[in-house]
Amino acid sequence: MTITRQAVADRIADYLHHRITQAQLVDWAETALMDGEFDAKDAATLSAVVARLGVADVRAFGLAWADCEELLGRLGFAARVEIVTT
């Protein structure tokens, strides 16, 4: 599988929208690091961001909103919050 900036941003978005759990995000990142092929032009950035996602389940690292914003920024994306009634 080829890992692109969009693919990583989509996974972070899935996590932030509660479509996947933190454990699923970490599992995806670990698999991507072992088996994935990073888009050549963005390989350094992609591997660094995915590696950071891969340790999100370690207490010392975690994954806060600010971390997601920073990682998305490194990928060329920005996060927005929308407040809606339930």
N, C-alpha and C. Protein backbone atom coordinates (compact mmCIF):
# COMPACT_ATOMS: atom_id res chain seq x y z
N MET A 1 0.83 -1.18 0.00
CA MET A 1 0.00 0.00 0.00
C MET A 1 0.88 1.24 0.00
N THR A 2 0.52 2.23 -0.81
CA THR A 2 1.25 3.49 -0.85
C THR A 2 0.62 4.45 0.15
N ILE A 3 1.45 4.98 1.02
CA ILE A 3 1.00 5.91 2.05
C ILE A 3 1.25 7.33 1.55
N THR A 4 0.18 8.12 1.48
CA THR A 4 0.27 9.50 1.02
C THR A 4 -0.10 10.46 2.16
N ARG A 5 0.16 11.74 1.93
CA ARG A 5 -0.25 12.75 2.91
C ARG A 5 -1.76 12.67 3.16
N GLN A 6 -2.52 12.52 2.09
CA GLN A 6 -3.98 12.46 2.21
C GLN A 6 -4.41 11.24 3.03
N ALA A 7 -3.77 10.10 2.79
CA ALA A 7 -4.13 8.88 3.52
C ALA A 7 -3.89 9.04 5.02
N VAL A 8 -2.78 9.65 5.39
CA VAL A 8 -2.47 9.85 6.80
C VAL A 8 -3.43 10.88 7.40
N ALA A 9 -3.68 11.96 6.69
CA ALA A 9 -4.63 12.96 7.17
C ALA A 9 -6.02 12.35 7.34
N ASP A 10 -6.42 11.48 6.43
CA ASP A 10 -7.72 10.82 6.54
C ASP A 10 -7.79 9.95 7.79
N ARG A 11 -6.71 9.26 8.12
CA ARG A 11 -6.69 8.42 9.33
C ARG A 11 -6.79 9.27 10.59
N ILE A 12 -6.09 10.38 10.61
CA ILE A 12 -6.17 11.28 11.76
C ILE A 12 -7.60 11.82 11.88
N ALA A 13 -8.19 12.19 10.75
CA ALA A 13 -9.57 12.69 10.76
C ALA A 13 -10.53 11.61 11.25
N ASP A 14 -10.33 10.37 10.83
CA ASP A 14 -11.18 9.27 11.30
C ASP A 14 -11.09 9.15 12.82
N TYR A 15 -9.89 9.30 13.36
CA TYR A 15 -9.70 9.23 14.80
C TYR A 15 -10.40 10.41 15.50
N LEU A 16 -10.20 11.61 14.98
CA LEU A 16 -10.80 12.79 15.60
C LEU A 16 -12.33 12.77 15.53
N HIS A 17 -12.88 12.14 14.49
CA HIS A 17 -14.33 12.02 14.36
C HIS A 17 -14.88 10.76 15.04
N HIS A 18 -14.04 10.06 15.76
CA HIS A 18 -14.43 8.85 16.50
C HIS A 18 -14.93 7.72 15.61
N ARG A 19 -14.44 7.70 14.36
CA ARG A 19 -14.78 6.59 13.46
C ARG A 19 -13.86 5.41 13.70
N ILE A 20 -12.66 5.69 14.24
CA ILE A 20 -11.75 4.63 14.66
C ILE A 20 -11.23 4.98 16.06
N THR A 21 -10.81 3.97 16.78
CA THR A 21 -10.27 4.17 18.12
C THR A 21 -8.79 4.50 18.06
N GLN A 22 -8.27 4.94 19.18
CA GLN A 22 -6.83 5.20 19.25
C GLN A 22 -6.06 3.91 18.96
N ALA A 23 -6.54 2.79 19.48
CA ALA A 23 -5.87 1.51 19.24
C ALA A 23 -5.86 1.17 17.75
N GLN A 24 -6.95 1.45 17.05
CA GLN A 24 -7.00 1.19 15.61
C GLN A 24 -6.06 2.11 14.85
N LEU A 25 -5.96 3.36 15.28
CA LEU A 25 -5.04 4.30 14.64
C LEU A 25 -3.60 3.83 14.83
N VAL A 26 -3.27 3.42 16.04
CA VAL A 26 -1.91 2.93 16.34
C VAL A 26 -1.62 1.68 15.52
N ASP A 27 -2.58 0.77 15.46
CA ASP A 27 -2.39 -0.46 14.69
C ASP A 27 -2.15 -0.15 13.22
N TRP A 28 -2.94 0.77 12.67
CA TRP A 28 -2.75 1.17 11.28
C TRP A 28 -1.35 1.75 11.07
N ALA A 29 -0.93 2.62 11.98
CA ALA A 29 0.38 3.27 11.85
C ALA A 29 1.50 2.24 11.93
N GLU A 30 1.40 1.31 12.86
CA GLU A 30 2.44 0.28 12.98
C GLU A 30 2.52 -0.57 11.72
N THR A 31 1.37 -0.94 11.17
CA THR A 31 1.33 -1.72 9.94
C THR A 31 1.90 -0.91 8.77
N ALA A 32 1.54 0.36 8.71
CA ALA A 32 2.05 1.22 7.63
C ALA A 32 3.57 1.33 7.70
N LEU A 33 4.10 1.44 8.90
CA LEU A 33 5.56 1.53 9.04
C LEU A 33 6.25 0.24 8.60
N MET A 34 5.65 -0.89 8.91
CA MET A 34 6.27 -2.17 8.57
C MET A 34 6.05 -2.57 7.11
N ASP A 35 4.84 -2.36 6.61
CA ASP A 35 4.48 -2.91 5.31
C ASP A 35 4.20 -1.87 4.23
N GLY A 36 4.03 -0.62 4.64
CA GLY A 36 3.63 0.41 3.69
C GLY A 36 4.79 0.94 2.88
N GLU A 37 4.44 1.55 1.78
CA GLU A 37 5.41 2.22 0.92
C GLU A 37 5.04 3.69 0.92
N PHE A 38 5.93 4.53 1.44
CA PHE A 38 5.65 5.94 1.53
C PHE A 38 5.87 6.63 0.19
N ASP A 39 4.97 7.56 -0.12
CA ASP A 39 5.11 8.37 -1.33
C ASP A 39 6.52 8.96 -1.32
N ALA A 40 7.28 8.72 -2.37
CA ALA A 40 8.70 9.07 -2.41
C ALA A 40 8.99 10.54 -2.13
N LYS A 41 8.18 11.44 -2.67
CA LYS A 41 8.47 12.87 -2.49
C LYS A 41 8.21 13.35 -1.07
N ASP A 42 7.44 12.60 -0.30
CA ASP A 42 7.09 13.00 1.07
C ASP A 42 7.54 11.98 2.11
N ALA A 43 8.42 11.08 1.73
CA ALA A 43 8.76 9.95 2.59
C ALA A 43 9.25 10.36 3.98
N ALA A 44 10.10 11.36 4.08
CA ALA A 44 10.64 11.76 5.38
C ALA A 44 9.53 12.28 6.31
N THR A 45 8.69 13.15 5.78
CA THR A 45 7.60 13.70 6.59
C THR A 45 6.60 12.62 6.95
N LEU A 46 6.22 11.82 5.97
CA LEU A 46 5.23 10.77 6.21
C LEU A 46 5.72 9.76 7.23
N SER A 47 6.95 9.32 7.11
CA SER A 47 7.45 8.32 8.06
C SER A 47 7.53 8.90 9.47
N ALA A 48 7.89 10.18 9.60
CA ALA A 48 7.95 10.81 10.93
C ALA A 48 6.57 10.93 11.55
N VAL A 49 5.58 11.36 10.76
CA VAL A 49 4.22 11.51 11.27
C VAL A 49 3.63 10.15 11.63
N VAL A 50 3.77 9.18 10.75
CA VAL A 50 3.22 7.85 11.01
C VAL A 50 3.92 7.21 12.22
N ALA A 51 5.21 7.41 12.36
CA ALA A 51 5.93 6.88 13.52
C ALA A 51 5.38 7.49 14.81
N ARG A 52 5.07 8.78 14.77
CA ARG A 52 4.50 9.44 15.95
C ARG A 52 3.13 8.86 16.28
N LEU A 53 2.32 8.60 15.27
CA LEU A 53 1.02 7.97 15.49
C LEU A 53 1.17 6.57 16.06
N GLY A 54 2.22 5.90 15.67
CA GLY A 54 2.45 4.53 16.12
C GLY A 54 2.76 4.39 17.59
N VAL A 55 3.15 5.48 18.24
CA VAL A 55 3.44 5.43 19.68
C VAL A 55 2.38 6.15 20.51
N ALA A 56 1.26 6.47 19.90
CA ALA A 56 0.20 7.21 20.59
C ALA A 56 -0.40 6.44 21.75
N ASP A 57 -0.21 5.13 21.78
CA ASP A 57 -0.75 4.33 22.87
C ASP A 57 0.19 4.24 24.07
N VAL A 58 1.35 4.86 23.99
CA VAL A 58 2.31 4.88 25.09
C VAL A 58 2.01 6.11 25.93
N ARG A 59 1.83 5.92 27.22
CA ARG A 59 1.43 7.01 28.12
C ARG A 59 2.32 8.25 27.97
N ALA A 60 3.60 8.06 27.82
CA ALA A 60 4.53 9.18 27.72
C ALA A 60 4.30 10.03 26.47
N PHE A 61 3.68 9.44 25.45
CA PHE A 61 3.45 10.17 24.21
C PHE A 61 2.00 10.62 24.08
N GLY A 62 1.05 9.70 24.20
CA GLY A 62 -0.36 10.06 24.07
C GLY A 62 -0.66 10.68 22.72
N LEU A 63 -1.86 11.24 22.60
CA LEU A 63 -2.24 11.91 21.36
C LEU A 63 -3.32 12.93 21.68
N ALA A 64 -2.92 14.13 22.00
CA ALA A 64 -3.84 15.21 22.32
C ALA A 64 -4.28 15.94 21.05
N TRP A 65 -5.31 16.77 21.19
CA TRP A 65 -5.80 17.57 20.07
C TRP A 65 -4.65 18.38 19.46
N ALA A 66 -3.83 19.00 20.30
CA ALA A 66 -2.72 19.82 19.81
C ALA A 66 -1.74 18.98 19.00
N ASP A 67 -1.53 17.73 19.41
CA ASP A 67 -0.65 16.84 18.65
C ASP A 67 -1.22 16.58 17.26
N CYS A 68 -2.52 16.33 17.20
CA CYS A 68 -3.17 16.10 15.90
C CYS A 68 -3.08 17.33 15.02
N GLU A 69 -3.30 18.51 15.60
CA GLU A 69 -3.17 19.76 14.84
C GLU A 69 -1.77 19.90 14.26
N GLU A 70 -0.77 19.63 15.08
CA GLU A 70 0.63 19.75 14.65
C GLU A 70 0.96 18.75 13.55
N LEU A 71 0.51 17.51 13.71
CA LEU A 71 0.79 16.48 12.71
C LEU A 71 0.09 16.82 11.39
N LEU A 72 -1.16 17.25 11.47
CA LEU A 72 -1.88 17.65 10.26
C LEU A 72 -1.17 18.82 9.58
N GLY A 73 -0.68 19.76 10.37
CA GLY A 73 0.05 20.89 9.81
C GLY A 73 1.29 20.46 9.06
N ARG A 74 2.01 19.49 9.60
CA ARG A 74 3.20 18.97 8.93
C ARG A 74 2.84 18.32 7.59
N LEU A 75 1.61 17.83 7.50
CA LEU A 75 1.14 17.19 6.27
C LEU A 75 0.54 18.19 5.28
N GLY A 76 0.39 19.45 5.72
CA GLY A 76 -0.19 20.46 4.85
C GLY A 76 -1.69 20.61 5.00
N PHE A 77 -2.23 20.16 6.13
CA PHE A 77 -3.66 20.25 6.40
C PHE A 77 -3.89 21.04 7.68
N ALA A 78 -5.12 21.45 7.91
CA ALA A 78 -5.51 22.12 9.14
C ALA A 78 -6.80 21.48 9.64
N ALA A 79 -6.96 21.47 10.95
CA ALA A 79 -8.18 20.94 11.56
C ALA A 79 -9.11 22.09 11.90
N ARG A 80 -10.41 21.86 11.76
CA ARG A 80 -11.42 22.82 12.16
C ARG A 80 -12.39 22.13 13.09
N VAL A 81 -12.94 22.88 14.00
CA VAL A 81 -13.94 22.36 14.93
C VAL A 81 -15.29 22.94 14.55
N GLU A 82 -16.28 22.11 14.53
CA GLU A 82 -17.64 22.56 14.25
C GLU A 82 -18.51 22.13 15.41
N ILE A 83 -19.22 23.06 16.01
CA ILE A 83 -20.10 22.78 17.13
C ILE A 83 -21.53 22.72 16.59
N VAL A 84 -22.21 21.62 16.88
CA VAL A 84 -23.58 21.43 16.40
C VAL A 84 -24.46 20.97 17.55
N THR A 85 -25.74 21.17 17.42
CA THR A 85 -26.67 20.68 18.43
C THR A 85 -26.88 19.19 18.25
N THR A 86 -27.19 18.52 19.33
CA THR A 86 -27.42 17.06 19.25
C THR A 86 -28.88 16.74 19.46
